Amino acid sequence: MSDSTLEGSAFSRFMASGNGRLARIALGVTLMAVGLVFVGGAAGLGLATFGLVPIAAGVFNLCPVAPIWGGHLIGARYCPARSGKPKD
């Protein structure tokens, strides 16, 4: 497959999109809130700490589990390159 074509499944492309990245960030924030507010103690702190993983994955557009099934760690491999300027 050439570098100009998109790779991955529809789910992979969604997760690498802006909405997918926001979903991962929201999941991380939810895990942190549940851990700190509802669970508490060492388990809650552990859950809150684990919530940093999907937040970082969304912010940096990474998918830490994709290599397990042969995907790419870097989400940009599933999306067309974005530039700051619209094409004329």
C-alpha atoms as a PDB file:
ATOM      1  CA  MET A   1       0.000   0.000   0.000  1.00  0.00           C
ATOM      2  CA  SER A   2       1.446   3.392  -0.913  1.00  0.00           C
ATOM      3  CA  ASP A   3       1.936   6.188   1.591  1.00  0.00           C
ATOM      4  CA  SER A   4      -0.800   8.275  -0.067  1.00  0.00           C
ATOM      5  CA  THR A   5      -3.551   5.759   0.713  1.00  0.00           C
ATOM      6  CA  LEU A   6      -5.313   5.403   4.018  1.00  0.00           C
ATOM      7  CA  GLU A   7      -4.702   2.302   6.061  1.00  0.00           C
ATOM      8  CA  GLY A   8      -6.676   0.489   8.729  1.00  0.00           C
ATOM      9  CA  SER A   9     -10.282  -0.250   9.438  1.00  0.00           C
ATOM     10  CA  ALA A  10     -13.070   2.300   9.727  1.00  0.00           C
ATOM     11  CA  PHE A  11     -12.740   2.052  13.513  1.00  0.00           C
ATOM     12  CA  SER A  12      -8.999   2.775  13.323  1.00  0.00           C
ATOM     13  CA  ARG A  13      -9.595   5.782  11.118  1.00  0.00           C
ATOM     14  CA  PHE A  14     -12.320   7.060  13.472  1.00  0.00           C
ATOM     15  CA  MET A  15     -10.084   6.708  16.521  1.00  0.00           C
ATOM     16  CA  ALA A  16      -7.338   8.661  14.722  1.00  0.00           C
ATOM     17  CA  SER A  17      -9.792  11.416  13.747  1.00  0.00           C
ATOM     18  CA  GLY A  18     -10.468  14.487  15.837  1.00  0.00           C
ATOM     19  CA  ASN A  19     -13.648  12.977  17.301  1.00  0.00           C
ATOM     20  CA  GLY A  20     -11.863   9.732  18.149  1.00  0.00           C
ATOM     21  CA  ARG A  21      -9.072  11.617  19.851  1.00  0.00           C
ATOM     22  CA  LEU A  22     -11.652  13.569  21.886  1.00  0.00           C
ATOM     23  CA  ALA A  23     -13.344  10.284  22.810  1.00  0.00           C
ATOM     24  CA  ARG A  24     -10.055   8.900  24.157  1.00  0.00           C
ATOM     25  CA  ILE A  25      -9.436  12.061  26.147  1.00  0.00           C
ATOM     26  CA  ALA A  26     -12.983  11.941  27.548  1.00  0.00           C
ATOM     27  CA  LEU A  27     -12.503   8.289  28.508  1.00  0.00           C
ATOM     28  CA  GLY A  28      -9.301   9.167  30.364  1.00  0.00           C
ATOM     29  CA  VAL A  29     -10.938  12.037  32.226  1.00  0.00           C
ATOM     30  CA  THR A  30     -13.860   9.754  33.135  1.00  0.00           C
ATOM     31  CA  LEU A  31     -11.518   7.051  34.454  1.00  0.00           C
ATOM     32  CA  MET A  32      -9.678   9.616  36.550  1.00  0.00           C
ATOM     33  CA  ALA A  33     -12.896  11.060  37.972  1.00  0.00           C
ATOM     34  CA  VAL A  34     -14.352   7.642  38.789  1.00  0.00           C
ATOM     35  CA  GLY A  35     -11.110   6.568  40.409  1.00  0.00           C
ATOM     36  CA  LEU A  36     -10.760   9.656  42.552  1.00  0.00           C
ATOM     37  CA  VAL A  37     -14.421  10.325  43.409  1.00  0.00           C
ATOM     38  CA  PHE A  38     -16.134   6.932  43.546  1.00  0.00           C
ATOM     39  CA  VAL A  39     -13.479   4.273  44.117  1.00  0.00           C
ATOM     40  CA  GLY A  40     -10.971   6.056  46.330  1.00  0.00           C
ATOM     41  CA  GLY A  41      -7.994   4.546  48.127  1.00  0.00           C
ATOM     42  CA  ALA A  42      -5.141   2.835  46.355  1.00  0.00           C
ATOM     43  CA  ALA A  43      -7.419   1.262  43.732  1.00  0.00           C
ATOM     44  CA  GLY A  44      -8.935   4.626  42.894  1.00  0.00           C
ATOM     45  CA  LEU A  45      -5.523   6.212  42.626  1.00  0.00           C
ATOM     46  CA  GLY A  46      -4.435   3.385  40.341  1.00  0.00           C
ATOM     47  CA  LEU A  47      -7.504   3.848  38.147  1.00  0.00           C
ATOM     48  CA  ALA A  48      -6.917   7.603  38.020  1.00  0.00           C
ATOM     49  CA  THR A  49      -3.292   7.047  37.059  1.00  0.00           C
ATOM     50  CA  PHE A  50      -4.336   4.590  34.340  1.00  0.00           C
ATOM     51  CA  GLY A  51      -6.670   7.316  33.013  1.00  0.00           C
ATOM     52  CA  LEU A  52      -3.567   9.194  31.909  1.00  0.00           C
ATOM     53  CA  VAL A  53      -2.942   6.565  29.206  1.00  0.00           C
ATOM     54  CA  PRO A  54      -6.004   7.338  27.027  1.00  0.00           C
ATOM     55  CA  ILE A  55      -5.510  11.077  27.635  1.00  0.00           C
ATOM     56  CA  ALA A  56      -1.932  10.887  26.374  1.00  0.00           C
ATOM     57  CA  ALA A  57      -3.013   8.638  23.493  1.00  0.00           C
ATOM     58  CA  GLY A  58      -5.609  11.196  22.416  1.00  0.00           C
ATOM     59  CA  VAL A  59      -3.347  14.203  22.815  1.00  0.00           C
ATOM     60  CA  PHE A  60      -0.430  12.642  20.934  1.00  0.00           C
ATOM     61  CA  ASN A  61      -2.647  10.650  18.482  1.00  0.00           C
ATOM     62  CA  LEU A  62      -1.212   7.292  19.500  1.00  0.00           C
ATOM     63  CA  CYS A  63      -2.819   3.884  19.766  1.00  0.00           C
ATOM     64  CA  PRO A  64      -0.821   1.793  22.227  1.00  0.00           C
ATOM     65  CA  VAL A  65      -2.757  -1.413  21.487  1.00  0.00           C
ATOM     66  CA  ALA A  66      -2.773  -1.239  17.662  1.00  0.00           C
ATOM     67  CA  PRO A  67       0.583  -3.050  17.230  1.00  0.00           C
ATOM     68  CA  ILE A  68      -0.990  -6.104  18.894  1.00  0.00           C
ATOM     69  CA  TRP A  69      -3.199  -6.667  15.849  1.00  0.00           C
ATOM     70  CA  GLY A  70      -0.691  -5.397  13.290  1.00  0.00           C
ATOM     71  CA  GLY A  71      -1.750  -1.748  13.257  1.00  0.00           C
ATOM     72  CA  HIS A  72       0.351   1.340  13.627  1.00  0.00           C
ATOM     73  CA  LEU A  73       1.188   3.009  16.914  1.00  0.00           C
ATOM     74  CA  ILE A  74       0.927   6.425  15.292  1.00  0.00           C
ATOM     75  CA  GLY A  75      -2.638   7.436  14.475  1.00  0.00           C
ATOM     76  CA  ALA A  76      -1.599   9.724  11.620  1.00  0.00           C
ATOM     77  CA  ARG A  77      -1.035   6.586   9.520  1.00  0.00           C
ATOM     78  CA  TYR A  78      -4.824   6.225   9.366  1.00  0.00           C
ATOM     79  CA  CYS A  79      -5.650   9.836   8.445  1.00  0.00           C
ATOM     80  CA  PRO A  80      -4.745  12.049   5.518  1.00  0.00           C
ATOM     81  CA  ALA A  81      -2.016  14.573   6.278  1.00  0.00           C
ATOM     82  CA  ARG A  82      -3.404  17.794   7.654  1.00  0.00           C
ATOM     83  CA  SER A  83      -1.887  21.119   6.816  1.00  0.00           C
ATOM     84  CA  GLY A  84      -2.580  24.460   8.419  1.00  0.00           C
ATOM     85  CA  LYS A  85      -3.717  25.981   5.134  1.00  0.00           C
ATOM     86  CA  PRO A  86      -6.714  24.931   3.034  1.00  0.00           C
ATOM     87  CA  LYS A  87      -5.855  23.969  -0.546  1.00  0.00           C
ATOM     88  CA  ASP A  88      -7.054  26.339  -3.287  1.00  0.00           C
END
